[in-house]
Amino acid sequence: MASARELRETIAKNRQALVEAVEAAGGNWDAGGDTGARAVAAGVMRAEAERASQAAAILGGNPVATQDWPRGTAAEAAEAIRQLGAEADKRFSWAEDRDLGKAQGGVTLEQVLQAHASALTEAAAQLRG
């Protein structure tokens, strides 16, 4: 079992890989419609806000404000991912190892963090592919 710190580090590393993949998608940003780079980035940003809010709820904190992501260029989306990531990381930073088993709605904090780390990796891979 990974520690809370290790899960946070994995999320941060995977988010950085996503940012790099978004930036690299620049020329293809608007191609692909519902499965293109813009759609993938928007989906993973919604998921980040939801998982950060879910973690906050488990830990007794405030949710992340949601909005319509991303707009504009790939570079603007990459910056939005960084900003959203900073907000999510605030919520994730509250987690300590003893909190990983806490649950809400049948989902533990550990499951939330692991699912998010995986989602970031999958989105980055989809953008690179």
N, C-alpha and C. Protein backbone atom coordinates (compact mmCIF):
# COMPACT_ATOMS: atom_id res chain seq x y z
N MET A 1 0.85 -1.18 0.00
CA MET A 1 0.00 0.00 0.00
C MET A 1 0.89 1.24 0.00
N ALA A 2 0.59 2.15 -0.86
CA ALA A 2 1.34 3.41 -0.95
C ALA A 2 0.92 4.33 0.18
N SER A 3 1.84 5.15 0.62
CA SER A 3 1.53 6.14 1.66
C SER A 3 0.81 7.32 1.02
N ALA A 4 0.22 8.15 1.86
CA ALA A 4 -0.46 9.35 1.36
C ALA A 4 0.54 10.23 0.60
N ARG A 5 1.73 10.37 1.14
CA ARG A 5 2.76 11.18 0.47
C ARG A 5 3.11 10.60 -0.89
N GLU A 6 3.28 9.30 -0.97
CA GLU A 6 3.61 8.66 -2.24
C GLU A 6 2.49 8.84 -3.26
N LEU A 7 1.25 8.74 -2.82
CA LEU A 7 0.13 8.94 -3.73
C LEU A 7 0.10 10.38 -4.25
N ARG A 8 0.34 11.35 -3.36
CA ARG A 8 0.37 12.76 -3.79
C ARG A 8 1.50 12.99 -4.79
N GLU A 9 2.67 12.40 -4.53
CA GLU A 9 3.80 12.56 -5.44
C GLU A 9 3.50 11.94 -6.81
N THR A 10 2.84 10.80 -6.81
CA THR A 10 2.48 10.15 -8.07
C THR A 10 1.50 11.01 -8.84
N ILE A 11 0.51 11.57 -8.15
CA ILE A 11 -0.45 12.45 -8.81
C ILE A 11 0.27 13.65 -9.42
N ALA A 12 1.17 14.27 -8.68
CA ALA A 12 1.89 15.44 -9.18
C ALA A 12 2.73 15.08 -10.40
N LYS A 13 3.41 13.94 -10.35
CA LYS A 13 4.24 13.49 -11.48
C LYS A 13 3.36 13.20 -12.70
N ASN A 14 2.25 12.52 -12.48
CA ASN A 14 1.37 12.18 -13.59
C ASN A 14 0.69 13.42 -14.17
N ARG A 15 0.38 14.39 -13.32
CA ARG A 15 -0.21 15.64 -13.81
C ARG A 15 0.79 16.39 -14.68
N GLN A 16 2.06 16.39 -14.28
CA GLN A 16 3.08 17.06 -15.08
C GLN A 16 3.21 16.39 -16.44
N ALA A 17 3.13 15.06 -16.48
CA ALA A 17 3.16 14.35 -17.76
C ALA A 17 1.96 14.74 -18.62
N LEU A 18 0.82 14.93 -17.99
CA LEU A 18 -0.38 15.37 -18.72
C LEU A 18 -0.17 16.77 -19.28
N VAL A 19 0.36 17.68 -18.49
CA VAL A 19 0.62 19.04 -18.95
C VAL A 19 1.54 19.00 -20.17
N GLU A 20 2.57 18.20 -20.10
CA GLU A 20 3.51 18.09 -21.23
C GLU A 20 2.81 17.53 -22.47
N ALA A 21 1.94 16.55 -22.27
CA ALA A 21 1.20 15.97 -23.41
C ALA A 21 0.24 16.98 -24.00
N VAL A 22 -0.40 17.79 -23.16
CA VAL A 22 -1.31 18.84 -23.66
C VAL A 22 -0.51 19.85 -24.46
N GLU A 23 0.62 20.29 -23.93
CA GLU A 23 1.44 21.26 -24.65
C GLU A 23 1.92 20.70 -25.99
N ALA A 24 2.24 19.43 -26.02
CA ALA A 24 2.71 18.80 -27.25
C ALA A 24 1.59 18.64 -28.27
N ALA A 25 0.35 18.64 -27.81
CA ALA A 25 -0.80 18.46 -28.71
C ALA A 25 -1.19 19.75 -29.40
N GLY A 26 -0.46 20.82 -29.15
CA GLY A 26 -0.79 22.15 -29.65
C GLY A 26 -1.37 22.21 -31.04
N GLY A 27 -0.70 21.63 -32.03
CA GLY A 27 -1.17 21.70 -33.41
C GLY A 27 -2.41 20.87 -33.67
N ASN A 28 -2.66 19.88 -32.83
CA ASN A 28 -3.82 19.00 -32.99
C ASN A 28 -4.87 19.26 -31.92
N TRP A 29 -4.79 20.39 -31.27
CA TRP A 29 -5.64 20.69 -30.13
C TRP A 29 -7.13 20.56 -30.46
N ASP A 30 -7.54 21.06 -31.60
CA ASP A 30 -8.96 21.05 -31.94
C ASP A 30 -9.37 19.88 -32.83
N ALA A 31 -8.43 19.01 -33.17
CA ALA A 31 -8.76 17.85 -34.02
C ALA A 31 -9.39 16.75 -33.18
N GLY A 32 -10.19 15.93 -33.81
CA GLY A 32 -10.69 14.74 -33.15
C GLY A 32 -12.02 14.84 -32.44
N GLY A 33 -12.61 16.02 -32.41
CA GLY A 33 -13.94 16.15 -31.81
C GLY A 33 -14.02 15.64 -30.39
N ASP A 34 -14.98 14.72 -30.14
CA ASP A 34 -15.22 14.22 -28.79
C ASP A 34 -14.11 13.34 -28.25
N THR A 35 -13.19 12.91 -29.08
CA THR A 35 -12.09 12.08 -28.62
C THR A 35 -10.74 12.77 -28.78
N GLY A 36 -10.76 14.03 -29.18
CA GLY A 36 -9.54 14.77 -29.42
C GLY A 36 -8.91 15.32 -28.15
N ALA A 37 -7.81 16.01 -28.33
CA ALA A 37 -7.02 16.53 -27.21
C ALA A 37 -7.84 17.43 -26.30
N ARG A 38 -8.61 18.34 -26.89
CA ARG A 38 -9.41 19.26 -26.08
C ARG A 38 -10.40 18.48 -25.21
N ALA A 39 -11.05 17.50 -25.78
CA ALA A 39 -12.03 16.70 -25.04
C ALA A 39 -11.37 15.88 -23.93
N VAL A 40 -10.22 15.29 -24.24
CA VAL A 40 -9.50 14.51 -23.23
C VAL A 40 -9.09 15.41 -22.07
N ALA A 41 -8.54 16.57 -22.38
CA ALA A 41 -8.11 17.50 -21.33
C ALA A 41 -9.30 17.96 -20.49
N ALA A 42 -10.41 18.28 -21.14
CA ALA A 42 -11.59 18.72 -20.40
C ALA A 42 -12.10 17.62 -19.48
N GLY A 43 -12.09 16.40 -19.96
CA GLY A 43 -12.57 15.29 -19.14
C GLY A 43 -11.70 15.05 -17.93
N VAL A 44 -10.40 15.10 -18.12
CA VAL A 44 -9.51 14.86 -16.98
C VAL A 44 -9.55 16.02 -15.99
N MET A 45 -9.79 17.24 -16.47
CA MET A 45 -9.91 18.37 -15.54
C MET A 45 -11.20 18.25 -14.72
N ARG A 46 -12.28 17.84 -15.35
CA ARG A 46 -13.52 17.61 -14.59
C ARG A 46 -13.29 16.53 -13.53
N ALA A 47 -12.59 15.47 -13.93
CA ALA A 47 -12.30 14.37 -13.00
C ALA A 47 -11.42 14.85 -11.85
N GLU A 48 -10.45 15.71 -12.13
CA GLU A 48 -9.59 16.22 -11.07
C GLU A 48 -10.40 17.03 -10.07
N ALA A 49 -11.25 17.90 -10.56
CA ALA A 49 -12.09 18.70 -9.66
C ALA A 49 -13.00 17.80 -8.83
N GLU A 50 -13.57 16.78 -9.46
CA GLU A 50 -14.47 15.87 -8.75
C GLU A 50 -13.72 15.07 -7.70
N ARG A 51 -12.55 14.55 -8.05
CA ARG A 51 -11.80 13.73 -7.09
C ARG A 51 -11.23 14.57 -5.96
N ALA A 52 -10.80 15.78 -6.27
CA ALA A 52 -10.32 16.66 -5.20
C ALA A 52 -11.46 17.02 -4.26
N SER A 53 -12.63 17.26 -4.83
CA SER A 53 -13.80 17.57 -4.00
C SER A 53 -14.22 16.36 -3.19
N GLN A 54 -14.10 15.17 -3.77
CA GLN A 54 -14.42 13.94 -3.06
C GLN A 54 -13.44 13.74 -1.90
N ALA A 55 -12.16 13.98 -2.14
CA ALA A 55 -11.17 13.88 -1.08
C ALA A 55 -11.46 14.90 0.01
N ALA A 56 -11.81 16.11 -0.38
CA ALA A 56 -12.13 17.14 0.59
C ALA A 56 -13.33 16.74 1.43
N ALA A 57 -14.34 16.15 0.81
CA ALA A 57 -15.53 15.72 1.55
C ALA A 57 -15.17 14.64 2.57
N ILE A 58 -14.33 13.71 2.18
CA ILE A 58 -13.90 12.65 3.09
C ILE A 58 -13.14 13.23 4.26
N LEU A 59 -12.36 14.27 4.00
CA LEU A 59 -11.50 14.87 5.03
C LEU A 59 -12.14 16.07 5.73
N GLY A 60 -13.36 16.43 5.34
CA GLY A 60 -14.06 17.53 6.00
C GLY A 60 -13.70 18.91 5.50
N GLY A 61 -13.31 19.02 4.23
CA GLY A 61 -12.92 20.31 3.68
C GLY A 61 -13.87 20.81 2.61
N ASN A 62 -13.50 21.92 2.01
CA ASN A 62 -14.31 22.55 0.97
C ASN A 62 -14.00 21.96 -0.40
N PRO A 63 -15.01 21.85 -1.26
CA PRO A 63 -14.80 21.32 -2.61
C PRO A 63 -14.07 22.33 -3.49
N VAL A 64 -13.61 21.84 -4.62
CA VAL A 64 -13.00 22.68 -5.64
C VAL A 64 -14.12 23.29 -6.48
N ALA A 65 -14.01 24.56 -6.77
CA ALA A 65 -15.00 25.22 -7.64
C ALA A 65 -14.86 24.65 -9.04
N THR A 66 -15.98 24.34 -9.65
CA THR A 66 -15.93 23.79 -11.00
C THR A 66 -16.20 24.88 -12.03
N GLN A 67 -15.75 24.61 -13.23
CA GLN A 67 -15.96 25.53 -14.34
C GLN A 67 -15.89 24.74 -15.64
N ASP A 68 -16.05 25.39 -16.73
CA ASP A 68 -16.01 24.74 -18.03
C ASP A 68 -14.57 24.78 -18.54
N TRP A 69 -13.89 23.63 -18.56
CA TRP A 69 -12.50 23.56 -18.99
C TRP A 69 -12.42 22.80 -20.29
N PRO A 70 -11.37 22.96 -21.06
CA PRO A 70 -10.55 24.14 -21.19
C PRO A 70 -11.06 25.00 -22.34
N ARG A 71 -10.65 26.18 -22.36
CA ARG A 71 -10.98 27.10 -23.46
C ARG A 71 -9.69 27.56 -24.11
N GLY A 72 -9.80 27.98 -25.32
CA GLY A 72 -8.63 28.53 -26.00
C GLY A 72 -7.66 27.50 -26.50
N THR A 73 -6.41 27.79 -26.32
CA THR A 73 -5.33 26.99 -26.90
C THR A 73 -4.86 25.89 -25.95
N ALA A 74 -4.01 25.03 -26.48
CA ALA A 74 -3.40 23.98 -25.66
C ALA A 74 -2.58 24.61 -24.52
N ALA A 75 -1.88 25.69 -24.81
CA ALA A 75 -1.09 26.35 -23.78
C ALA A 75 -1.98 26.88 -22.66
N GLU A 76 -3.14 27.42 -23.01
CA GLU A 76 -4.07 27.90 -21.99
C GLU A 76 -4.63 26.74 -21.17
N ALA A 77 -4.89 25.63 -21.84
CA ALA A 77 -5.37 24.44 -21.13
C ALA A 77 -4.30 23.91 -20.18
N ALA A 78 -3.05 23.89 -20.63
CA ALA A 78 -1.96 23.43 -19.76
C ALA A 78 -1.88 24.29 -18.50
N GLU A 79 -2.03 25.60 -18.67
CA GLU A 79 -2.01 26.50 -17.51
C GLU A 79 -3.22 26.24 -16.62
N ALA A 80 -4.38 25.98 -17.21
CA ALA A 80 -5.58 25.67 -16.42
C ALA A 80 -5.38 24.38 -15.63
N ILE A 81 -4.72 23.40 -16.23
CA ILE A 81 -4.43 22.15 -15.51
C ILE A 81 -3.51 22.42 -14.33
N ARG A 82 -2.51 23.26 -14.53
CA ARG A 82 -1.61 23.62 -13.42
C ARG A 82 -2.37 24.31 -12.29
N GLN A 83 -3.23 25.25 -12.64
CA GLN A 83 -3.99 25.98 -11.63
C GLN A 83 -4.96 25.07 -10.89
N LEU A 84 -5.67 24.26 -11.64
CA LEU A 84 -6.59 23.31 -11.02
C LEU A 84 -5.82 22.31 -10.16
N GLY A 85 -4.68 21.88 -10.66
CA GLY A 85 -3.84 20.96 -9.89
C GLY A 85 -3.41 21.53 -8.56
N ALA A 86 -3.09 22.81 -8.55
CA ALA A 86 -2.71 23.46 -7.29
C ALA A 86 -3.88 23.44 -6.30
N GLU A 87 -5.09 23.69 -6.80
CA GLU A 87 -6.27 23.63 -5.94
C GLU A 87 -6.52 22.21 -5.46
N ALA A 88 -6.39 21.25 -6.34
CA ALA A 88 -6.58 19.85 -5.96
C ALA A 88 -5.53 19.43 -4.94
N ASP A 89 -4.28 19.83 -5.18
CA ASP A 89 -3.20 19.45 -4.27
C ASP A 89 -3.44 19.98 -2.87
N LYS A 90 -4.08 21.14 -2.74
CA LYS A 90 -4.41 21.65 -1.41
C LYS A 90 -5.28 20.64 -0.67
N ARG A 91 -6.28 20.10 -1.37
CA ARG A 91 -7.18 19.12 -0.74
C ARG A 91 -6.44 17.82 -0.47
N PHE A 92 -5.65 17.36 -1.43
CA PHE A 92 -4.93 16.12 -1.25
C PHE A 92 -3.89 16.23 -0.13
N SER A 93 -3.35 17.42 0.08
CA SER A 93 -2.31 17.60 1.09
C SER A 93 -2.82 17.39 2.51
N TRP A 94 -4.11 17.46 2.69
CA TRP A 94 -4.68 17.23 4.03
C TRP A 94 -4.58 15.77 4.44
N ALA A 95 -4.43 14.88 3.48
CA ALA A 95 -4.44 13.44 3.74
C ALA A 95 -3.17 12.99 4.44
N GLU A 96 -3.37 12.20 5.46
CA GLU A 96 -2.27 11.52 6.14
C GLU A 96 -2.52 10.02 5.99
N ASP A 97 -1.52 9.24 6.28
CA ASP A 97 -1.66 7.80 6.10
C ASP A 97 -2.88 7.25 6.84
N ARG A 98 -3.13 7.75 8.03
CA ARG A 98 -4.26 7.24 8.82
C ARG A 98 -5.61 7.57 8.17
N ASP A 99 -5.63 8.51 7.22
CA ASP A 99 -6.88 8.91 6.56
C ASP A 99 -7.22 8.06 5.34
N LEU A 100 -6.28 7.29 4.84
CA LEU A 100 -6.48 6.59 3.57
C LEU A 100 -7.65 5.61 3.59
N GLY A 101 -7.98 5.08 4.76
CA GLY A 101 -9.09 4.15 4.87
C GLY A 101 -10.44 4.82 5.09
N LYS A 102 -10.44 6.13 5.30
CA LYS A 102 -11.70 6.85 5.49
C LYS A 102 -12.48 6.81 4.18
N ALA A 103 -13.80 6.72 4.31
CA ALA A 103 -14.61 6.56 3.11
C ALA A 103 -15.85 7.44 3.15
N GLN A 104 -16.37 7.67 1.98
CA GLN A 104 -17.66 8.33 1.81
C GLN A 104 -18.28 7.72 0.56
N GLY A 105 -19.52 7.33 0.67
CA GLY A 105 -20.19 6.73 -0.48
C GLY A 105 -19.57 5.42 -0.92
N GLY A 106 -18.97 4.70 0.01
CA GLY A 106 -18.37 3.41 -0.31
C GLY A 106 -17.02 3.47 -0.99
N VAL A 107 -16.43 4.65 -1.07
CA VAL A 107 -15.12 4.82 -1.71
C VAL A 107 -14.16 5.40 -0.69
N THR A 108 -12.99 4.76 -0.55
CA THR A 108 -12.00 5.25 0.40
C THR A 108 -11.17 6.36 -0.22
N LEU A 109 -10.54 7.12 0.63
CA LEU A 109 -9.64 8.17 0.17
C LEU A 109 -8.51 7.57 -0.66
N GLU A 110 -8.00 6.44 -0.23
CA GLU A 110 -6.94 5.78 -1.00
C GLU A 110 -7.42 5.45 -2.41
N GLN A 111 -8.64 4.95 -2.54
CA GLN A 111 -9.18 4.64 -3.86
C GLN A 111 -9.32 5.90 -4.72
N VAL A 112 -9.73 6.99 -4.11
CA VAL A 112 -9.87 8.26 -4.84
C VAL A 112 -8.51 8.69 -5.39
N LEU A 113 -7.49 8.66 -4.53
CA LEU A 113 -6.16 9.10 -4.95
C LEU A 113 -5.57 8.17 -6.00
N GLN A 114 -5.73 6.87 -5.83
CA GLN A 114 -5.20 5.92 -6.80
C GLN A 114 -5.92 6.06 -8.15
N ALA A 115 -7.23 6.22 -8.10
CA ALA A 115 -7.99 6.37 -9.34
C ALA A 115 -7.56 7.63 -10.08
N HIS A 116 -7.30 8.68 -9.34
CA HIS A 116 -6.90 9.92 -10.00
C HIS A 116 -5.51 9.80 -10.61
N ALA A 117 -4.59 9.19 -9.89
CA ALA A 117 -3.25 8.99 -10.45
C ALA A 117 -3.34 8.21 -11.75
N SER A 118 -4.16 7.19 -11.78
CA SER A 118 -4.33 6.38 -12.99
C SER A 118 -4.99 7.17 -14.11
N ALA A 119 -6.01 7.96 -13.78
CA ALA A 119 -6.71 8.76 -14.80
C ALA A 119 -5.76 9.75 -15.46
N LEU A 120 -4.89 10.36 -14.69
CA LEU A 120 -3.93 11.31 -15.26
C LEU A 120 -2.98 10.60 -16.22
N THR A 121 -2.51 9.43 -15.83
CA THR A 121 -1.61 8.66 -16.70
C THR A 121 -2.31 8.26 -17.99
N GLU A 122 -3.55 7.77 -17.87
CA GLU A 122 -4.30 7.34 -19.04
C GLU A 122 -4.57 8.50 -20.00
N ALA A 123 -4.91 9.66 -19.45
CA ALA A 123 -5.17 10.83 -20.30
C ALA A 123 -3.91 11.27 -21.03
N ALA A 124 -2.78 11.29 -20.32
CA ALA A 124 -1.52 11.67 -20.97
C ALA A 124 -1.17 10.69 -22.08
N ALA A 125 -1.36 9.40 -21.82
CA ALA A 125 -1.07 8.39 -22.83
C ALA A 125 -2.00 8.54 -24.04
N GLN A 126 -3.26 8.84 -23.78
CA GLN A 126 -4.21 9.04 -24.89
C GLN A 126 -3.81 10.24 -25.74
N LEU A 127 -3.35 11.29 -25.11
CA LEU A 127 -2.93 12.47 -25.86
C LEU A 127 -1.67 12.20 -26.67
N ARG A 128 -0.77 11.41 -26.11
CA ARG A 128 0.45 11.09 -26.83
C ARG A 128 0.20 10.11 -27.98
N GLY A 129 -0.85 9.28 -27.82
CA GLY A 129 -1.14 8.24 -28.82
C GLY A 129 -1.87 8.80 -29.95
